[in-house]
Amino acid sequence: MRAVVQRVTEARVTVAGESVGSIEGPGLCVLVGVTHEDTPAKAAQLARKLWTLRLFEADGEGVEQSCSDLGAPLLVISQFTLYGDARKGRRPTWNAAAPGPVAEPLVDEVVAQLRALGAKVETGRFGADMQVALVNDGPFTVIVEV
């Protein structure tokens, strides 16, 4: 699994003009991609990593706090294009991205595992044409792979 994690002061996802998920920060906006070899165990591993990853400043002491430390919310959005490959030619291929019937339950598992850890989680809508708006705090963006 691959995630692009952005520290935000706010983030929301809209589908057909309707807000389907939003958070007020500090928090994380997380784009999650699934590939063919991913499993529920990897989804759980990613959730634990997201919940405990130290991406927030602690009283001017540097980046020392996690979502679990702050009770910070997460907005989790499925993103199959994270496994796009544009190394050859001008058109990306999507061969490494898992198909919807494989990917959707695994993205749902990431969300379920985060909630089981105590996280407040909002989501996008799997497979929908989504518009994502956010204010990246920093900017601060990292890529996480499990």
Protein backbone atom coordinates (compact mmCIF):
# COMPACT_ATOMS: atom_id res chain seq x y z
CA MET A 1 0.00 0.00 0.00
CA ARG A 2 1.11 3.52 -0.71
CA ALA A 3 -0.07 6.73 0.95
CA VAL A 4 0.60 10.38 0.32
CA VAL A 5 0.21 12.06 3.69
CA GLN A 6 -0.25 15.81 4.00
CA ARG A 7 -0.34 17.72 7.27
CA VAL A 8 -3.30 20.09 6.99
CA THR A 9 -5.12 22.81 8.85
CA GLU A 10 -8.31 21.80 7.04
CA ALA A 11 -9.38 19.45 4.26
CA ARG A 12 -12.60 18.37 2.57
CA VAL A 13 -13.74 16.13 -0.24
CA THR A 14 -16.77 16.91 -2.39
CA VAL A 15 -18.71 14.68 -4.79
CA ALA A 16 -21.20 16.24 -7.21
CA GLY A 17 -21.29 19.43 -5.14
CA GLU A 18 -21.96 17.55 -1.87
CA SER A 19 -19.39 17.54 0.93
CA VAL A 20 -18.85 13.88 1.83
CA GLY A 21 -15.98 14.29 4.30
CA SER A 22 -14.12 17.11 6.00
CA ILE A 23 -11.74 17.75 8.87
CA GLU A 24 -10.50 20.77 10.76
CA GLY A 25 -6.86 20.51 11.72
CA PRO A 26 -4.35 20.08 12.74
CA GLY A 27 -4.84 16.78 10.98
CA LEU A 28 -3.81 14.63 8.05
CA CYS A 29 -5.19 14.31 4.54
CA VAL A 30 -4.22 10.84 3.35
CA LEU A 31 -4.44 9.58 -0.24
CA VAL A 32 -4.32 5.76 -0.23
CA GLY A 33 -3.37 3.56 -3.18
CA VAL A 34 -3.65 -0.23 -3.28
CA THR A 35 -1.65 -2.65 -5.41
CA HIS A 36 -2.27 -6.33 -6.21
CA GLU A 37 -0.20 -7.84 -3.38
CA ASP A 38 -1.82 -5.83 -0.58
CA THR A 39 -3.65 -7.58 2.25
CA PRO A 40 -5.77 -6.72 5.30
CA ALA A 41 -2.59 -7.11 7.38
CA LYS A 42 -0.90 -4.40 5.30
CA ALA A 43 -3.98 -2.20 5.72
CA ALA A 44 -3.69 -2.60 9.50
CA GLN A 45 0.04 -1.84 9.34
CA LEU A 46 -0.62 1.33 7.34
CA ALA A 47 -3.30 2.43 9.80
CA ARG A 48 -0.93 1.99 12.76
CA LYS A 49 1.77 3.91 10.91
CA LEU A 50 -0.58 6.79 10.05
CA TRP A 51 -1.90 7.01 13.62
CA THR A 52 1.58 7.09 15.20
CA LEU A 53 3.69 8.90 12.58
CA ARG A 54 5.23 12.00 14.17
CA LEU A 55 4.37 14.84 11.80
CA PHE A 56 3.26 17.59 14.18
CA GLU A 57 5.37 20.11 16.07
CA ALA A 58 5.48 19.98 19.86
CA ASP A 59 5.85 23.39 21.52
CA GLY A 60 8.57 24.54 19.16
CA GLU A 61 10.58 21.39 19.89
CA GLY A 62 10.42 20.10 16.31
CA VAL A 63 8.28 17.40 14.75
CA GLU A 64 7.57 15.17 17.73
CA GLN A 65 3.82 14.46 17.91
CA SER A 66 1.47 12.11 16.08
CA CYS A 67 -2.26 12.01 15.45
CA SER A 68 -2.51 9.64 18.42
CA ASP A 69 -0.78 12.19 20.67
CA LEU A 70 -3.06 15.04 19.61
CA GLY A 71 -6.28 13.22 18.79
CA ALA A 72 -5.87 14.79 15.35
CA PRO A 73 -8.40 13.80 12.66
CA LEU A 74 -7.63 12.13 9.34
CA LEU A 75 -9.33 12.47 5.97
CA VAL A 76 -8.68 9.22 4.06
CA ILE A 77 -9.28 9.21 0.30
CA SER A 78 -8.81 6.30 -2.12
CA GLN A 79 -6.42 7.16 -4.95
CA PHE A 80 -5.68 4.45 -7.53
CA THR A 81 -3.51 6.86 -9.52
CA LEU A 82 -0.79 6.55 -6.85
CA TYR A 83 0.22 3.39 -8.68
CA GLY A 84 0.29 5.05 -12.10
CA ASP A 85 3.54 4.55 -14.02
CA ALA A 86 4.61 7.30 -16.41
CA ARG A 87 8.22 6.25 -16.94
CA LYS A 88 7.61 5.27 -20.57
CA GLY A 89 5.81 7.37 -23.12
CA ARG A 90 3.38 10.17 -22.35
CA ARG A 91 0.43 8.16 -21.06
CA PRO A 92 0.57 6.56 -17.59
CA THR A 93 -0.28 2.90 -17.18
CA TRP A 94 -2.35 1.68 -14.24
CA ASN A 95 -1.22 -1.97 -14.25
CA ALA A 96 0.12 -1.83 -10.69
CA ALA A 97 -3.14 -0.44 -9.25
CA ALA A 98 -5.47 -3.06 -7.80
CA PRO A 99 -8.96 -3.19 -9.34
CA GLY A 100 -11.89 -1.73 -7.40
CA PRO A 101 -13.21 -5.03 -5.98
CA VAL A 102 -9.76 -5.65 -4.45
CA ALA A 103 -8.88 -2.08 -3.49
CA GLU A 104 -12.14 -0.87 -1.93
CA PRO A 105 -12.25 -3.38 0.95
CA LEU A 106 -8.59 -2.65 1.74
CA VAL A 107 -9.11 1.12 1.86
CA ASP A 108 -12.15 0.45 4.06
CA GLU A 109 -9.93 -1.72 6.28
CA VAL A 110 -7.43 1.13 6.73
CA VAL A 111 -10.32 3.34 7.88
CA ALA A 112 -11.75 0.64 10.18
CA GLN A 113 -8.34 0.00 11.75
CA LEU A 114 -7.77 3.73 12.33
CA ARG A 115 -11.16 4.01 14.01
CA ALA A 116 -10.39 0.95 16.14
CA LEU A 117 -7.24 2.77 17.30
CA GLY A 118 -9.39 5.71 18.38
CA ALA A 119 -8.97 8.01 15.39
CA LYS A 120 -11.61 10.40 14.11
CA VAL A 121 -11.69 9.56 10.40
CA GLU A 122 -13.59 11.11 7.52
CA THR A 123 -13.51 9.64 4.01
CA GLY A 124 -14.08 10.29 0.38
CA ARG A 125 -16.34 8.09 -1.74
CA PHE A 126 -14.62 5.15 -3.42
CA GLY A 127 -14.64 5.32 -7.22
CA ALA A 128 -16.36 8.70 -7.35
CA ASP A 129 -15.17 11.78 -9.20
CA MET A 130 -13.98 13.68 -6.12
CA GLN A 131 -12.77 17.22 -5.62
CA VAL A 132 -10.33 17.56 -2.75
CA ALA A 133 -9.61 20.93 -1.14
CA LEU A 134 -7.05 21.37 1.60
CA VAL A 135 -4.69 23.76 3.26
CA ASN A 136 -1.32 22.02 3.51
CA ASP A 137 0.37 23.11 6.73
CA GLY A 138 4.04 23.73 6.09
CA PRO A 139 3.78 22.56 3.34
CA PHE A 140 4.41 19.16 4.85
CA THR A 141 3.95 16.04 2.70
CA VAL A 142 5.42 12.55 3.06
CA ILE A 143 5.01 9.26 1.20
CA VAL A 144 4.45 6.12 3.26
CA GLU A 145 4.72 2.60 1.82
CA VAL A 146 4.04 -0.67 3.63
